N, C-alpha and C. Protein backbone atom coordinates (compact mmCIF):
# COMPACT_ATOMS: atom_id res chain seq x y z
N UNK A 1 1.09 2.78 6.55
CA UNK A 1 2.23 2.44 5.92
C UNK A 1 3.55 3.28 5.88
N UNK A 2 4.59 3.25 6.21
CA UNK A 2 5.67 3.96 6.06
C UNK A 2 6.46 2.60 5.32
N UNK A 3 7.73 3.72 4.26
CA UNK A 3 8.46 3.23 3.47
C UNK A 3 9.44 4.08 3.72
N UNK A 4 10.68 3.18 4.14
CA UNK A 4 12.03 3.69 4.63
C UNK A 4 13.12 3.71 3.34
N UNK A 5 13.56 4.57 2.74
CA UNK A 5 14.31 4.56 1.78
C UNK A 5 15.75 4.41 2.14
N UNK A 6 16.61 4.08 1.16
CA UNK A 6 17.90 3.66 1.03
C UNK A 6 18.94 4.81 1.64
N UNK A 7 19.82 5.00 2.31
CA UNK A 7 20.22 6.34 2.52
C UNK A 7 21.00 6.98 1.47
N UNK A 8 21.38 6.14 0.22
CA UNK A 8 21.99 6.25 -1.00
C UNK A 8 20.82 6.71 -2.01
N UNK A 9 19.27 6.74 -1.93
CA UNK A 9 18.41 7.15 -2.80
C UNK A 9 18.53 8.12 -3.43
N UNK A 10 18.56 8.14 -4.65
CA UNK A 10 18.75 9.45 -5.56
C UNK A 10 17.02 10.12 -5.30
N UNK A 11 17.18 11.57 -5.78
CA UNK A 11 15.74 12.38 -6.30
C UNK A 11 14.87 11.34 -7.13
N UNK A 12 15.86 10.61 -8.28
CA UNK A 12 14.84 9.93 -8.90
C UNK A 12 14.24 8.73 -8.41
N UNK A 13 14.66 7.92 -7.65
CA UNK A 13 14.60 7.20 -6.65
C UNK A 13 12.93 7.53 -6.12
N UNK A 14 13.17 8.47 -5.29
CA UNK A 14 12.34 9.04 -3.98
C UNK A 14 10.89 9.69 -5.54
N UNK A 15 10.95 10.42 -6.19
CA UNK A 15 10.25 10.30 -7.31
C UNK A 15 9.34 9.18 -8.00
N UNK A 16 10.17 8.38 -8.16
CA UNK A 16 9.54 6.77 -8.77
C UNK A 16 8.79 6.47 -7.72
N UNK A 17 8.80 6.26 -6.51
CA UNK A 17 8.48 5.80 -5.31
C UNK A 17 7.12 6.41 -5.08
N UNK A 18 7.10 7.80 -5.25
CA UNK A 18 6.21 8.97 -5.03
C UNK A 18 4.72 8.58 -5.90
N UNK A 19 5.32 8.58 -7.07
CA UNK A 19 4.39 8.42 -8.27
C UNK A 19 3.74 7.09 -8.27
N UNK A 20 4.71 5.67 -7.99
CA UNK A 20 3.70 4.20 -7.85
C UNK A 20 3.07 4.66 -6.75
N UNK A 21 3.17 5.55 -5.71
CA UNK A 21 1.80 5.62 -4.44
C UNK A 21 0.84 6.24 -5.12
N UNK A 22 0.76 7.22 -5.51
CA UNK A 22 0.02 8.28 -6.56
C UNK A 22 -1.14 7.44 -7.47
N UNK A 23 -0.24 6.38 -8.27
CA UNK A 23 -1.03 5.61 -9.13
C UNK A 23 -1.78 5.02 -8.34
N UNK A 24 -1.60 4.51 -7.12
CA UNK A 24 -2.34 3.45 -6.51
C UNK A 24 -3.36 4.24 -6.08
N UNK A 25 -3.66 5.39 -6.11
CA UNK A 25 -5.01 6.20 -5.43
C UNK A 25 -4.48 6.73 -3.87
N UNK A 26 -3.38 6.79 -3.46
CA UNK A 26 -3.12 7.09 -2.27
C UNK A 26 -2.26 8.21 -1.93
N UNK A 27 -2.09 8.93 -0.66
CA UNK A 27 -1.71 9.88 -0.24
C UNK A 27 -0.11 9.68 0.20
N UNK A 28 0.85 10.47 -0.23
CA UNK A 28 2.10 10.21 0.35
C UNK A 28 2.51 11.39 0.90
N UNK A 29 3.11 11.61 2.01
CA UNK A 29 3.84 12.34 2.75
C UNK A 29 5.34 11.92 3.10
N UNK A 30 6.18 12.88 2.32
CA UNK A 30 7.63 12.90 2.57
C UNK A 30 8.31 13.65 3.37
N UNK A 31 9.19 12.81 3.91
CA UNK A 31 9.90 13.77 5.36
C UNK A 31 11.31 13.05 5.03
N UNK A 32 12.02 14.18 4.61
CA UNK A 32 13.18 13.78 4.29
C UNK A 32 14.27 14.86 5.66
N UNK A 33 14.90 13.51 6.37
CA UNK A 33 16.14 13.91 7.37
C UNK A 33 17.57 14.04 6.54
N UNK A 34 18.53 14.35 7.36
CA UNK A 34 19.78 14.49 6.90
C UNK A 34 20.42 13.23 6.41
N UNK A 35 19.73 12.18 7.32
CA UNK A 35 20.77 11.08 6.73
C UNK A 35 19.74 9.86 6.17
N UNK A 36 18.52 10.00 6.34
CA UNK A 36 17.49 8.95 6.08
C UNK A 36 16.11 10.00 5.41
N UNK A 37 15.16 8.99 4.57
CA UNK A 37 13.94 9.67 3.74
C UNK A 37 13.07 8.43 4.04
N UNK A 38 12.12 9.08 4.83
CA UNK A 38 11.06 8.18 4.87
C UNK A 38 9.87 8.47 4.47
N UNK A 39 8.86 7.86 3.52
CA UNK A 39 7.51 8.21 3.15
C UNK A 39 6.35 7.93 4.11
N UNK A 40 5.08 8.72 4.61
CA UNK A 40 4.34 7.86 5.08
C UNK A 40 3.18 7.82 4.00
N UNK A 41 2.49 6.56 3.94
CA UNK A 41 1.52 6.50 3.14
C UNK A 41 0.02 6.55 3.71
N UNK A 42 -1.03 7.21 3.05
CA UNK A 42 -2.01 7.02 3.71
C UNK A 42 -3.12 6.64 2.88
N UNK A 43 -4.22 5.91 3.57
CA UNK A 43 -5.10 5.40 2.34
C UNK A 43 -5.15 3.81 2.27
N UNK A 44 -6.48 3.33 1.87
CA UNK A 44 -6.15 1.56 1.87
C UNK A 44 -4.85 0.86 1.63
N UNK A 45 -4.74 0.40 2.79
CA UNK A 45 -3.20 -0.31 2.55
C UNK A 45 -3.07 -1.62 1.85
N UNK A 46 -4.46 -2.02 1.49
CA UNK A 46 -4.75 -3.37 0.86
C UNK A 46 -4.46 -3.41 -0.56
N UNK A 47 -3.93 -1.76 -1.04
CA UNK A 47 -3.50 -2.02 -2.47
C UNK A 47 -1.99 -1.77 -2.00
N UNK A 48 -1.54 -1.49 -1.53
CA UNK A 48 -0.08 -1.77 -0.86
C UNK A 48 0.03 -2.83 -0.92
N UNK A 49 -0.65 -3.95 -0.33
CA UNK A 49 -0.51 -5.40 0.05
C UNK A 49 -0.24 -6.18 -1.57
N UNK A 50 -0.18 -5.76 -2.39
CA UNK A 50 -0.74 -6.40 -3.68
C UNK A 50 0.46 -5.81 -4.56
N UNK A 51 1.24 -4.65 -4.08
CA UNK A 51 2.08 -4.08 -5.04
C UNK A 51 3.55 -3.84 -4.30
N UNK A 52 4.79 -4.88 -5.12
CA UNK A 52 5.65 -5.29 -4.38
C UNK A 52 6.71 -3.92 -4.24
N UNK A 53 6.74 -3.25 -3.35
CA UNK A 53 7.20 -1.77 -3.38
C UNK A 53 8.45 -2.40 -2.86
N UNK A 54 8.85 -3.04 -2.25
CA UNK A 54 9.98 -3.56 -1.87
C UNK A 54 11.20 -3.61 -2.83
N UNK A 55 10.57 -4.08 -3.84
CA UNK A 55 11.46 -4.43 -5.19
C UNK A 55 12.04 -3.01 -5.86
N UNK A 56 11.21 -2.19 -5.53
CA UNK A 56 11.56 -0.60 -6.36
C UNK A 56 13.14 -0.35 -5.59
N UNK A 57 13.69 0.39 -6.81
CA UNK A 57 15.08 0.82 -6.59
C UNK A 57 14.97 1.70 -5.66
N UNK A 58 15.88 1.77 -4.18
CA UNK A 58 16.13 2.68 -3.50
C UNK A 58 14.75 2.57 -2.01
N UNK A 59 14.11 1.40 -2.37
CA UNK A 59 13.40 1.12 -0.89
C UNK A 59 14.40 0.20 -0.09
N UNK A 60 14.13 0.85 1.33
CA UNK A 60 14.89 -0.62 2.12
C UNK A 60 13.93 -1.61 2.91
N UNK A 61 12.90 -0.65 3.26
CA UNK A 61 12.08 -1.13 4.08
C UNK A 61 10.61 -1.18 3.86
N UNK A 62 9.47 -1.66 4.08
CA UNK A 62 8.47 -1.30 4.07
C UNK A 62 7.50 -1.90 5.46
N UNK A 63 6.76 -1.18 5.86
CA UNK A 63 6.65 -1.22 7.70
C UNK A 63 5.10 -1.10 7.56
N UNK A 64 4.12 -2.04 7.49
CA UNK A 64 2.83 -1.97 7.75
C UNK A 64 2.74 -0.60 9.46
N UNK A 65 1.18 -0.14 9.63
CA UNK A 65 1.44 0.52 10.50
C UNK A 65 0.10 -0.13 11.31
N UNK A 66 -0.98 -0.40 10.50
CA UNK A 66 -1.95 -1.66 11.26
C UNK A 66 -1.86 -2.61 11.85
N UNK A 67 -2.30 -3.27 12.83
CA UNK A 67 -2.18 -4.41 13.39
C UNK A 67 -3.13 -5.40 12.67
N UNK A 68 -2.66 -6.64 12.33
CA UNK A 68 -3.80 -7.44 12.06
C UNK A 68 -4.97 -7.79 12.60
N UNK A 69 -5.80 -8.37 12.38
CA UNK A 69 -6.98 -8.33 13.19
C UNK A 69 -7.32 -7.28 13.88
N UNK A 70 -7.32 -6.07 13.33
CA UNK A 70 -7.76 -5.07 14.29
C UNK A 70 -9.18 -4.97 15.14
N UNK A 71 -10.15 -5.18 14.08
CA UNK A 71 -11.44 -5.58 15.12
C UNK A 71 -11.59 -6.40 16.17
N UNK A 72 -10.90 -7.45 16.01
CA UNK A 72 -10.62 -8.27 17.09
C UNK A 72 -9.96 -8.17 18.24
N UNK A 73 -9.32 -6.89 18.08
CA UNK A 73 -8.04 -6.43 19.30
C UNK A 73 -8.83 -5.78 20.62
N UNK A 74 -8.17 -5.94 21.68
CA UNK A 74 -8.62 -5.23 22.78
C UNK A 74 -8.34 -3.70 22.38
N UNK A 75 -7.77 -3.38 21.80
CA UNK A 75 -7.89 -1.94 21.62
C UNK A 75 -8.94 -1.27 20.59
N UNK A 76 -9.36 -1.93 19.89
CA UNK A 76 -10.71 -1.88 19.38
C UNK A 76 -11.90 -1.90 20.26
N UNK A 77 -12.13 -2.82 21.07
CA UNK A 77 -13.25 -3.52 21.78
C UNK A 77 -12.91 -3.97 22.94
N UNK A 78 -13.10 -2.94 23.99
CA UNK A 78 -12.28 -3.15 25.43
C UNK A 78 -13.24 -4.76 25.87
N UNK A 79 -14.27 -4.51 25.37
CA UNK A 79 -15.14 -5.21 26.45
C UNK A 79 -15.21 -7.13 26.04
N UNK A 80 -15.66 -8.17 26.55
CA UNK A 80 -15.20 -9.14 26.49
C UNK A 80 -16.15 -9.64 25.51
N UNK A 81 -16.43 -10.85 24.79
CA UNK A 81 -17.00 -11.07 23.38
C UNK A 81 -17.45 -12.70 24.00
N UNK A 82 -19.12 -12.38 24.17
CA UNK A 82 -19.70 -13.93 24.81
C UNK A 82 -20.65 -14.30 23.69
N UNK A 83 -20.11 -15.44 23.02
CA UNK A 83 -20.79 -16.15 22.19
C UNK A 83 -21.57 -17.56 22.71
N UNK A 84 -22.99 -17.54 22.76
CA UNK A 84 -23.70 -18.57 23.45
C UNK A 84 -23.50 -19.89 22.44
N UNK A 85 -23.39 -20.51 23.46
CA UNK A 85 -23.07 -22.36 22.79
C UNK A 85 -24.18 -23.12 23.12
N UNK A 86 -24.80 -23.91 22.36
CA UNK A 86 -25.78 -25.22 22.78
C UNK A 86 -27.24 -24.42 23.57
N UNK A 87 -27.67 -23.35 22.59
CA UNK A 87 -28.89 -23.00 23.07
C UNK A 87 -30.07 -23.31 22.07
């Protein structure tokens, strides 16, 4: 998951977001640019889905990286699935 912070986020806002991520047992990778700050989050994304990170001061956007139905996608399994019916 990637958390994009607002351009006017204060260091206190950033620290608060990092602390919330740590409390959830996840790892955060902070990347500060000249105009933007983003936080990459590694770990069980299901924990983040229940947490309203979008509501935290300084957070502009929360972007999921993994696609839904990953195990059923062609990226994961390239072969056709064959389901026998009526046997």
